Amino acid sequence: MLILCGICGIITLFVYMTKTITKKRKISLMLLEISAMLLLIADREAYIYRGDPSRLGWWMVRVSNFLVFFLTLSVLYAFNSYLSDLYVRVSGCEKRPRRLRAARVLLLLGMMMVIVSQFTGLYYTFDGMNRYHRAPGFILCYLIPLTVMLLQTTVIMGLRKRLSRDIWRSLMLFTVLSLLASVAQMFLYGISLNNITIVAMSALLYVYALQDMNREVEHARSKEIDFYKEEKKKEHALFEQTAAALATAIDAKDRYTHGHSTRVASYSVRIARAAGKSDEECDQIYFAGLLHDVGKIGISDAIINKNGKLTDEEFAEIRLHPVYGSQILSSIRLSPTLSVGARYHHERPDGRGYPEGLAGGDIPDIARIIAVADAYDAMTSRRSYRDPLPQAVVRAEMEKGRGTQFDPTYADIMLRFIDEDVNYDMREKESAREEEIPQPAIEAKTE
């Protein structure tokens, strides 16, 4: 009894701190657990002072027995309130069913009869030795709880498909086992089977409710994570489409470089994937490759589309597009690699590149990858003065620039791609109907 009392007290504290259940259900559970705890305490005191003829014993026997009968109904009343709130929530009805309302009336009537019995001896009496004895009307104090539990059981049966398995099971255990214990108690005098069962089921009710709450929280958390992932996908798709649209606008400035940015991004991702870069790094490289020429927005169309040889002044202007690109993309602080790729993709390992003349390992890794992809596409694309170079010539130029114009590691990867491309598919297509290269961010992750 003391162990069960302690459990009920602890559960009351837990219910008070729980924030994932409705206020009405929290109050009902707290009332149920407190009533169950006091019920066992009163039952225990009734046994301790039974037969004690002292004045204290006289009062303790009467008060404790009254509380046993009264608190038994109080537990059922709290359970009825708990069940009513649960019914309203899962059924969507604002009113609780008539059976639960009838049960509430019966419980209130039963409490009044317990009070009346103290003055009439309806339920029990005490002999001269201060010992408890059942009175002829004691059967009534069992019929009311039994009727209430039967009504509650019918309501619970009707909620089977609407409640979770754990909640439904806990409700059924509470009513059915308490019902059976009450029936047995009528024939087993001197054993607190009914009270112990009710208190044990009260504790179990919260355990199952807690388990169900944890499952609901986990489900809500899972939905939140799925929603977050979906939003991230949408953000990524929006960013990719925006970047692709910007790249298309950049390429449109030069009628001979249609699709150049997309192809450079694709080749860059393939190189990065072959070099063992992570998915996140490949994503960054793809977008950096897609926007590497964004600085050409600041270059005059007349210079970009000039058919003849550029003057020194015009070439100096062209060499500024990495700086312009870096300035434009530096405002995107969540992706700093974009401005890095734009600024340094024309640097060379031998230090003869621009705009800063960096050499070797001083050149950011992402820019070294884009440089190889950019040069390869320039050689394999149509220009105003020539068709795409033959594959053998492209390979020779890539081999020639290895270690001077191109990072040797990434140049070797591109040379391997060239050797594997027996049909020379890695180039600008002849027909506008042909897709140059699939979306590289997706393609790279499936290779």
Protein backbone atom coordinates (compact mmCIF):
# COMPACT_ATOMS: atom_id res chain seq x y z
CA MET A 1 0.00 0.00 0.00
CA LEU A 2 2.79 2.44 0.89
CA ILE A 3 4.59 1.67 -2.37
CA LEU A 4 1.44 2.35 -4.38
CA CYS A 5 0.85 5.55 -2.40
CA GLY A 6 4.36 6.74 -3.27
CA ILE A 7 3.87 5.90 -6.94
CA CYS A 8 0.61 7.87 -7.05
CA GLY A 9 2.27 10.86 -5.37
CA ILE A 10 5.14 10.87 -7.87
CA ILE A 11 2.73 10.50 -10.80
CA THR A 12 0.74 13.49 -9.51
CA LEU A 13 3.92 15.58 -9.68
CA PHE A 14 4.68 14.31 -13.20
CA VAL A 15 1.15 15.10 -14.37
CA TYR A 16 1.46 18.62 -12.98
CA MET A 17 4.68 19.17 -14.96
CA THR A 18 3.35 17.63 -18.18
CA LYS A 19 2.49 20.21 -20.85
CA THR A 20 1.37 17.93 -23.67
CA ILE A 21 -2.15 17.20 -22.40
CA THR A 22 -5.22 19.41 -22.13
CA LYS A 23 -5.90 21.35 -18.94
CA LYS A 24 -9.11 19.43 -18.19
CA ARG A 25 -7.41 16.07 -18.61
CA LYS A 26 -4.48 17.18 -16.47
CA ILE A 27 -6.83 18.21 -13.65
CA SER A 28 -8.73 14.92 -13.98
CA LEU A 29 -5.52 12.86 -13.81
CA MET A 30 -4.22 14.82 -10.82
CA LEU A 31 -7.53 14.40 -8.97
CA LEU A 32 -7.52 10.71 -9.83
CA GLU A 33 -3.96 10.12 -8.58
CA ILE A 34 -4.42 12.19 -5.39
CA SER A 35 -7.70 10.42 -4.62
CA ALA A 36 -6.07 7.03 -5.22
CA MET A 37 -3.15 7.91 -2.94
CA LEU A 38 -5.42 9.13 -0.13
CA LEU A 39 -7.67 6.10 -0.60
CA LEU A 40 -4.85 3.68 0.19
CA ILE A 41 -3.65 5.81 3.11
CA ALA A 42 -7.18 5.81 4.58
CA ASP A 43 -7.55 2.06 3.96
CA ARG A 44 -4.25 1.41 5.70
CA GLU A 45 -5.24 3.55 8.70
CA ALA A 46 -8.60 1.76 8.94
CA TYR A 47 -6.77 -1.57 9.37
CA ILE A 48 -4.21 -0.14 11.81
CA TYR A 49 -6.80 1.36 14.19
CA ARG A 50 -9.42 -1.36 13.81
CA GLY A 51 -10.32 -2.59 17.31
CA ASP A 52 -8.49 0.30 19.02
CA PRO A 53 -10.86 1.47 21.84
CA SER A 54 -8.96 4.73 22.52
CA ARG A 55 -10.42 8.10 21.60
CA LEU A 56 -7.89 8.50 18.78
CA GLY A 57 -8.72 5.01 17.52
CA TRP A 58 -12.44 5.81 17.64
CA TRP A 59 -12.00 8.85 15.40
CA MET A 60 -9.43 7.28 13.10
CA VAL A 61 -11.59 4.23 12.36
CA ARG A 62 -14.61 6.34 11.50
CA VAL A 63 -12.78 8.96 9.46
CA SER A 64 -10.66 6.44 7.57
CA ASN A 65 -13.62 4.21 6.69
CA PHE A 66 -15.61 7.20 5.51
CA LEU A 67 -12.70 8.27 3.31
CA VAL A 68 -12.34 4.75 1.86
CA PHE A 69 -15.93 4.76 0.65
CA PHE A 70 -15.91 8.40 -0.43
CA LEU A 71 -12.53 8.37 -2.21
CA THR A 72 -13.41 5.22 -4.14
CA LEU A 73 -16.21 7.20 -5.75
CA SER A 74 -13.87 10.20 -6.12
CA VAL A 75 -11.41 8.09 -8.16
CA LEU A 76 -14.23 6.96 -10.44
CA TYR A 77 -15.47 10.55 -10.72
CA ALA A 78 -12.02 11.75 -11.81
CA PHE A 79 -11.77 8.87 -14.29
CA ASN A 80 -15.21 9.80 -15.66
CA SER A 81 -14.00 13.39 -16.22
CA TYR A 82 -10.84 12.10 -17.89
CA LEU A 83 -12.88 9.85 -20.17
CA SER A 84 -15.32 12.69 -20.97
CA ASP A 85 -12.54 15.03 -22.09
CA LEU A 86 -10.98 12.24 -24.13
CA TYR A 87 -14.32 11.51 -25.80
CA VAL A 88 -14.84 15.16 -26.74
CA ARG A 89 -11.36 15.38 -28.26
CA VAL A 90 -11.46 12.25 -30.41
CA SER A 91 -15.13 12.40 -31.43
CA GLY A 92 -15.31 16.10 -32.21
CA CYS A 93 -18.57 16.42 -30.25
CA GLU A 94 -18.87 19.29 -27.80
CA LYS A 95 -21.16 17.34 -25.47
CA ARG A 96 -20.16 14.19 -23.66
CA PRO A 97 -22.44 11.17 -24.12
CA ARG A 98 -25.46 10.61 -21.91
CA ARG A 99 -23.93 7.50 -20.39
CA LEU A 100 -21.05 9.52 -18.95
CA ARG A 101 -23.42 12.21 -17.74
CA ALA A 102 -25.55 9.52 -16.09
CA ALA A 103 -22.41 8.05 -14.51
CA ARG A 104 -21.52 11.47 -13.12
CA VAL A 105 -24.98 11.83 -11.54
CA LEU A 106 -24.73 8.34 -10.03
CA LEU A 107 -21.33 9.12 -8.53
CA LEU A 108 -22.55 12.35 -6.97
CA LEU A 109 -25.56 10.47 -5.60
CA GLY A 110 -23.24 7.79 -4.23
CA MET A 111 -21.11 10.40 -2.46
CA MET A 112 -24.22 11.85 -0.81
CA MET A 113 -25.28 8.37 0.31
CA VAL A 114 -21.84 7.80 1.88
CA ILE A 115 -22.36 10.96 3.93
CA VAL A 116 -25.89 9.88 4.88
CA SER A 117 -24.65 6.45 5.92
CA GLN A 118 -22.44 8.02 8.57
CA PHE A 119 -25.59 8.97 10.48
CA THR A 120 -27.87 6.05 9.57
CA GLY A 121 -25.54 3.04 9.51
CA LEU A 122 -26.74 2.25 5.96
CA TYR A 123 -23.42 0.81 4.75
CA TYR A 124 -21.57 -0.23 7.91
CA THR A 125 -21.60 -0.07 11.71
CA PHE A 126 -19.06 -0.38 14.54
CA ASP A 127 -19.31 -2.62 17.60
CA GLY A 128 -18.24 -1.85 21.15
CA MET A 129 -14.65 -2.89 20.36
CA ASN A 130 -14.48 -0.24 17.61
CA ARG A 131 -14.52 -2.84 14.83
CA TYR A 132 -16.08 -2.33 11.39
CA HIS A 133 -19.04 -4.51 10.32
CA ARG A 134 -21.04 -4.48 7.09
CA ALA A 135 -24.65 -3.33 7.37
CA PRO A 136 -27.56 -4.78 5.37
CA GLY A 137 -27.42 -1.88 2.91
CA PHE A 138 -23.71 -2.32 2.08
CA ILE A 139 -24.64 -3.87 -1.30
CA LEU A 140 -25.72 -0.40 -2.48
CA CYS A 141 -22.21 0.99 -2.10
CA TYR A 142 -21.04 -1.63 -4.62
CA LEU A 143 -23.95 -1.39 -7.05
CA ILE A 144 -23.34 2.31 -7.79
CA PRO A 145 -19.63 1.91 -8.71
CA LEU A 146 -20.41 -1.27 -10.66
CA THR A 147 -23.11 0.50 -12.68
CA VAL A 148 -20.80 3.44 -13.32
CA MET A 149 -17.98 1.20 -14.54
CA LEU A 150 -20.35 -0.68 -16.84
CA LEU A 151 -21.50 2.61 -18.39
CA GLN A 152 -17.90 3.75 -18.80
CA THR A 153 -16.94 0.43 -20.39
CA THR A 154 -19.62 0.78 -23.07
CA VAL A 155 -18.32 4.25 -23.95
CA ILE A 156 -14.74 2.97 -24.13
CA MET A 157 -15.81 0.11 -26.42
CA GLY A 158 -17.33 2.66 -28.78
CA LEU A 159 -14.04 4.60 -28.95
CA ARG A 160 -11.92 1.60 -29.91
CA LYS A 161 -11.29 2.71 -33.50
CA ARG A 162 -10.67 6.34 -32.57
CA LEU A 163 -8.14 5.89 -29.77
CA SER A 164 -4.59 4.68 -29.93
CA ARG A 165 -4.04 1.11 -28.85
CA ASP A 166 -2.23 2.08 -25.63
CA ILE A 167 -4.88 4.56 -24.47
CA TRP A 168 -7.75 2.21 -25.28
CA ARG A 169 -6.04 -0.66 -23.52
CA SER A 170 -5.41 1.40 -20.36
CA LEU A 171 -9.04 2.52 -20.22
CA MET A 172 -10.31 -1.03 -20.61
CA LEU A 173 -7.93 -2.36 -17.96
CA PHE A 174 -9.06 0.33 -15.53
CA THR A 175 -12.77 -0.43 -15.88
CA VAL A 176 -12.70 -4.21 -16.41
CA LEU A 177 -10.19 -5.08 -13.69
CA SER A 178 -11.77 -2.64 -11.24
CA LEU A 179 -15.15 -4.12 -12.07
CA LEU A 180 -13.94 -7.66 -11.42
CA ALA A 181 -12.22 -6.60 -8.20
CA SER A 182 -15.42 -4.92 -6.98
CA VAL A 183 -17.41 -8.08 -7.59
CA ALA A 184 -14.80 -10.17 -5.79
CA GLN A 185 -14.67 -7.69 -2.91
CA MET A 186 -18.34 -8.35 -2.10
CA PHE A 187 -17.40 -11.93 -1.17
CA LEU A 188 -13.88 -11.35 0.19
CA TYR A 189 -14.27 -9.52 3.47
CA GLY A 190 -11.11 -8.20 5.11
CA ILE A 191 -9.00 -7.92 1.93
CA SER A 192 -8.62 -4.51 0.19
CA LEU A 193 -8.60 -6.08 -3.27
CA ASN A 194 -10.89 -3.46 -4.79
CA ASN A 195 -8.95 -0.47 -3.50
CA ILE A 196 -5.54 -1.87 -4.44
CA THR A 197 -6.78 -2.69 -7.95
CA ILE A 198 -8.26 0.78 -8.48
CA VAL A 199 -5.06 2.48 -7.32
CA ALA A 200 -2.83 0.21 -9.42
CA MET A 201 -4.95 0.89 -12.52
CA SER A 202 -4.85 4.63 -11.77
CA ALA A 203 -1.05 4.52 -11.90
CA LEU A 204 -1.12 2.38 -15.03
CA LEU A 205 -3.47 4.87 -16.69
CA TYR A 206 -0.83 7.59 -16.57
CA VAL A 207 1.93 5.24 -17.75
CA TYR A 208 -0.05 4.39 -20.87
CA ALA A 209 -1.04 8.03 -21.35
CA LEU A 210 2.64 9.03 -21.12
CA GLN A 211 3.59 6.36 -23.63
CA ASP A 212 0.93 7.63 -26.02
CA MET A 213 2.05 11.23 -25.54
CA ASN A 214 5.63 10.25 -26.35
CA ARG A 215 4.42 8.57 -29.52
CA GLU A 216 2.44 11.66 -30.50
CA VAL A 217 5.43 13.90 -29.83
CA GLU A 218 7.65 11.61 -31.87
CA HIS A 219 5.10 11.62 -34.68
CA ALA A 220 4.88 15.42 -34.58
CA ARG A 221 8.66 15.65 -34.56
CA SER A 222 8.88 13.30 -37.54
CA LYS A 223 6.34 15.41 -39.44
CA GLU A 224 8.27 18.55 -38.55
CA ILE A 225 11.52 17.02 -39.83
CA ASP A 226 9.80 15.89 -43.04
CA PHE A 227 8.37 19.39 -43.48
CA TYR A 228 11.81 20.91 -42.90
CA LYS A 229 13.38 18.56 -45.46
CA GLU A 230 10.67 19.38 -47.97
CA GLU A 231 11.21 23.09 -47.43
CA LYS A 232 14.95 22.64 -47.87
CA LYS A 233 14.29 20.82 -51.15
CA LYS A 234 12.06 23.65 -52.32
CA GLU A 235 14.66 26.25 -51.31
CA HIS A 236 17.37 24.28 -53.10
CA ALA A 237 15.21 23.93 -56.22
CA LEU A 238 14.38 27.66 -56.17
CA PHE A 239 18.04 28.57 -55.78
CA GLU A 240 19.03 26.20 -58.58
CA GLN A 241 16.37 27.56 -60.92
CA THR A 242 17.33 31.14 -60.09
CA ALA A 243 21.02 30.41 -60.63
CA ALA A 244 20.24 28.61 -63.91
CA ALA A 245 18.13 31.54 -65.10
CA LEU A 246 20.96 33.95 -64.25
CA ALA A 247 23.48 31.72 -66.02
CA THR A 248 21.25 31.66 -69.09
CA ALA A 249 21.06 35.44 -69.03
CA ILE A 250 24.85 35.60 -68.82
CA ASP A 251 25.33 33.21 -71.75
CA ALA A 252 22.76 35.16 -73.78
CA LYS A 253 25.18 38.11 -73.91
CA ASP A 254 27.34 36.02 -76.22
CA ARG A 255 25.45 34.28 -79.01
CA TYR A 256 28.30 31.80 -79.38
CA THR A 257 28.38 30.56 -75.80
CA HIS A 258 24.86 29.14 -75.43
CA GLY A 259 24.81 26.65 -72.54
CA HIS A 260 28.42 27.33 -71.58
CA SER A 261 27.74 27.95 -67.88
CA THR A 262 25.59 24.84 -67.56
CA ARG A 263 28.22 22.65 -69.19
CA VAL A 264 31.01 24.10 -67.03
CA ALA A 265 28.94 23.41 -63.93
CA SER A 266 28.32 19.86 -65.10
CA TYR A 267 31.95 19.13 -65.91
CA SER A 268 33.03 20.70 -62.60
CA VAL A 269 30.72 18.41 -60.61
CA ARG A 270 31.96 15.33 -62.49
CA ILE A 271 35.55 16.25 -61.73
CA ALA A 272 34.73 16.96 -58.06
CA ARG A 273 32.87 13.66 -57.72
CA ALA A 274 35.77 11.74 -59.26
CA ALA A 275 38.15 13.54 -56.88
CA GLY A 276 36.17 12.23 -53.88
CA LYS A 277 34.40 15.44 -52.86
CA SER A 278 31.34 15.17 -50.60
CA ASP A 279 27.79 15.76 -51.80
CA GLU A 280 27.76 19.15 -50.09
CA GLU A 281 31.03 20.18 -51.74
CA CYS A 282 29.77 18.98 -55.12
CA ASP A 283 26.64 21.09 -54.70
CA GLN A 284 28.77 24.16 -53.94
CA ILE A 285 31.02 23.47 -56.93
CA TYR A 286 28.03 23.05 -59.23
CA PHE A 287 26.55 26.45 -58.35
CA ALA A 288 29.97 28.12 -58.43
CA GLY A 289 30.51 26.67 -61.91
CA LEU A 290 27.06 27.78 -63.00
CA LEU A 291 27.75 31.38 -61.95
CA HIS A 292 31.49 31.60 -62.64
CA ASP A 293 30.99 34.06 -65.53
CA VAL A 294 28.38 36.26 -63.83
CA GLY A 295 30.87 39.15 -63.99
CA LYS A 296 30.38 39.34 -67.77
CA ILE A 297 27.20 41.27 -66.97
CA GLY A 298 29.49 44.24 -66.37
CA ILE A 299 31.31 43.87 -69.70
CA SER A 300 30.11 45.71 -72.78
CA ASP A 301 28.16 43.60 -75.30
CA ALA A 302 30.25 45.14 -78.07
CA ILE A 303 33.43 43.67 -76.55
CA ILE A 304 31.92 40.25 -75.79
CA ASN A 305 30.45 39.85 -79.29
CA LYS A 306 33.31 41.42 -81.24
CA ASN A 307 34.21 39.27 -84.25
CA GLY A 308 37.75 40.50 -84.70
CA LYS A 309 40.76 40.47 -82.43
CA LEU A 310 40.42 42.36 -79.15
CA THR A 311 42.60 45.38 -78.49
CA ASP A 312 44.78 45.50 -75.39
CA GLU A 313 42.24 47.82 -73.73
CA GLU A 314 39.35 45.52 -74.61
CA PHE A 315 41.21 42.46 -73.34
CA ALA A 316 42.03 44.29 -70.12
CA GLU A 317 38.29 44.94 -69.74
CA ILE A 318 37.52 41.24 -70.30
CA ARG A 319 40.05 40.31 -67.61
CA LEU A 320 37.99 42.29 -65.10
CA HIS A 321 34.96 39.98 -65.30
CA PRO A 322 36.24 37.73 -62.44
CA VAL A 323 36.45 40.82 -60.21
CA TYR A 324 32.97 41.95 -61.20
CA GLY A 325 31.64 38.46 -60.61
CA SER A 326 33.22 38.27 -57.16
CA GLN A 327 31.71 41.64 -56.21
CA ILE A 328 28.25 40.57 -57.36
CA LEU A 329 28.29 37.18 -55.63
CA SER A 330 29.98 38.30 -52.41
CA SER A 331 26.61 39.56 -51.19
CA ILE A 332 25.39 35.93 -51.03
CA ARG A 333 26.93 35.29 -47.62
CA LEU A 334 25.36 31.87 -47.14
CA SER A 335 27.38 30.57 -50.13
CA PRO A 336 30.80 32.25 -50.02
CA THR A 337 32.20 29.70 -52.48
CA LEU A 338 30.23 31.37 -55.29
CA SER A 339 32.35 34.51 -55.22
CA VAL A 340 35.53 32.45 -54.77
CA GLY A 341 34.83 30.42 -57.91
CA ALA A 342 33.98 33.54 -59.91
CA ARG A 343 37.09 35.46 -58.80
CA TYR A 344 39.81 32.85 -59.20
CA HIS A 345 38.73 30.55 -62.06
CA HIS A 346 41.24 32.22 -64.43
CA GLU A 347 44.22 31.83 -62.09
CA ARG A 348 46.95 29.36 -63.17
CA PRO A 349 49.29 27.10 -61.20
CA ASP A 350 52.30 28.79 -62.88
CA GLY A 351 51.18 32.22 -61.60
CA ARG A 352 50.41 33.67 -65.04
CA GLY A 353 46.66 33.88 -64.52
CA TYR A 354 44.45 36.77 -63.50
CA PRO A 355 43.19 38.85 -61.72
CA GLU A 356 45.71 38.33 -58.86
CA GLY A 357 48.36 36.09 -60.39
CA LEU A 358 48.06 33.39 -57.71
CA ALA A 359 50.09 30.21 -58.10
CA GLY A 360 49.88 26.55 -57.09
CA GLY A 361 48.17 25.83 -53.79
CA ASP A 362 47.33 29.50 -53.23
CA ILE A 363 44.53 29.10 -55.77
CA PRO A 364 41.31 27.94 -54.05
CA ASP A 365 40.50 24.32 -54.80
CA ILE A 366 37.06 25.10 -56.22
CA ALA A 367 38.57 27.58 -58.70
CA ARG A 368 41.14 25.00 -59.91
CA ILE A 369 38.32 22.58 -60.71
CA ILE A 370 36.26 25.22 -62.55
CA ALA A 371 39.35 26.33 -64.51
CA VAL A 372 39.77 22.84 -66.01
CA ALA A 373 36.05 22.54 -66.81
CA ASP A 374 35.95 26.09 -68.27
CA ALA A 375 38.92 25.51 -70.56
CA TYR A 376 37.60 22.14 -71.69
CA ASP A 377 34.21 23.59 -72.65
CA ALA A 378 35.86 26.50 -74.45
CA MET A 379 37.76 24.02 -76.62
CA THR A 380 34.79 21.73 -77.26
CA SER A 381 32.24 24.46 -78.08
CA ARG A 382 31.51 26.34 -81.29
CA ARG A 383 32.93 29.83 -81.66
CA SER A 384 32.42 32.54 -84.26
CA TYR A 385 35.77 31.70 -85.84
CA ARG A 386 35.77 27.87 -85.50
CA ASP A 387 33.87 24.67 -84.81
CA PRO A 388 34.53 22.55 -81.69
CA LEU A 389 38.14 21.33 -81.74
CA PRO A 390 38.75 17.66 -82.52
CA GLN A 391 38.93 15.48 -79.44
CA ALA A 392 42.59 14.60 -80.04
CA VAL A 393 43.51 18.30 -80.15
CA VAL A 394 41.56 18.96 -76.95
CA ARG A 395 43.39 16.12 -75.22
CA ALA A 396 46.76 17.38 -76.40
CA GLU A 397 46.02 20.90 -75.14
CA MET A 398 44.86 19.56 -71.78
CA GLU A 399 48.02 17.46 -71.51
CA LYS A 400 50.16 20.44 -72.54
CA GLY A 401 48.62 22.72 -69.89
CA ARG A 402 48.89 20.14 -67.10
CA GLY A 403 50.82 21.71 -64.19
CA THR A 404 51.11 25.13 -65.82
CA GLN A 405 47.64 26.23 -66.86
CA PHE A 406 45.73 23.50 -65.04
CA ASP A 407 46.02 21.80 -61.68
CA PRO A 408 47.64 18.41 -62.49
CA THR A 409 45.24 16.40 -60.29
CA TYR A 410 42.11 17.75 -61.94
CA ALA A 411 43.70 17.79 -65.38
CA ASP A 412 44.42 14.06 -65.00
CA ILE A 413 40.76 13.45 -64.13
CA MET A 414 39.63 15.33 -67.22
CA LEU A 415 42.13 13.41 -69.38
CA ARG A 416 40.62 10.19 -68.06
CA PHE A 417 37.14 11.44 -68.97
CA ILE A 418 38.37 12.24 -72.47
CA ASP A 419 39.85 8.76 -72.89
CA GLU A 420 36.58 7.19 -71.73
CA ASP A 421 34.50 9.37 -74.06
CA VAL A 422 35.02 7.29 -77.20
CA ASN A 423 32.04 8.88 -79.02
CA TYR A 424 33.06 12.43 -78.10
CA ASP A 425 29.79 13.15 -76.32
CA MET A 426 31.33 15.68 -73.94
CA ARG A 427 30.98 18.74 -76.17
CA GLU A 428 28.46 21.29 -77.39
CA LYS A 429 25.76 19.49 -79.35
CA GLU A 430 25.20 20.08 -83.03
CA SER A 431 21.41 20.34 -82.78
CA ALA A 432 19.48 22.63 -80.46
CA ARG A 433 17.06 19.74 -79.92
CA GLU A 434 19.73 17.71 -78.15
CA GLU A 435 20.14 18.19 -74.44
CA GLU A 436 23.72 19.22 -73.77
CA ILE A 437 24.04 17.63 -70.33
CA PRO A 438 21.42 16.66 -67.73
CA GLN A 439 21.10 18.68 -64.54
CA PRO A 440 24.57 18.01 -63.12
CA ALA A 441 23.66 18.27 -59.45
CA ILE A 442 21.44 15.21 -59.91
CA GLU A 443 23.67 13.41 -62.38
CA ALA A 444 26.75 13.70 -60.23
CA LYS A 445 25.04 12.04 -57.26
CA THR A 446 24.06 9.00 -59.30
CA GLU A 447 27.47 8.29 -60.74
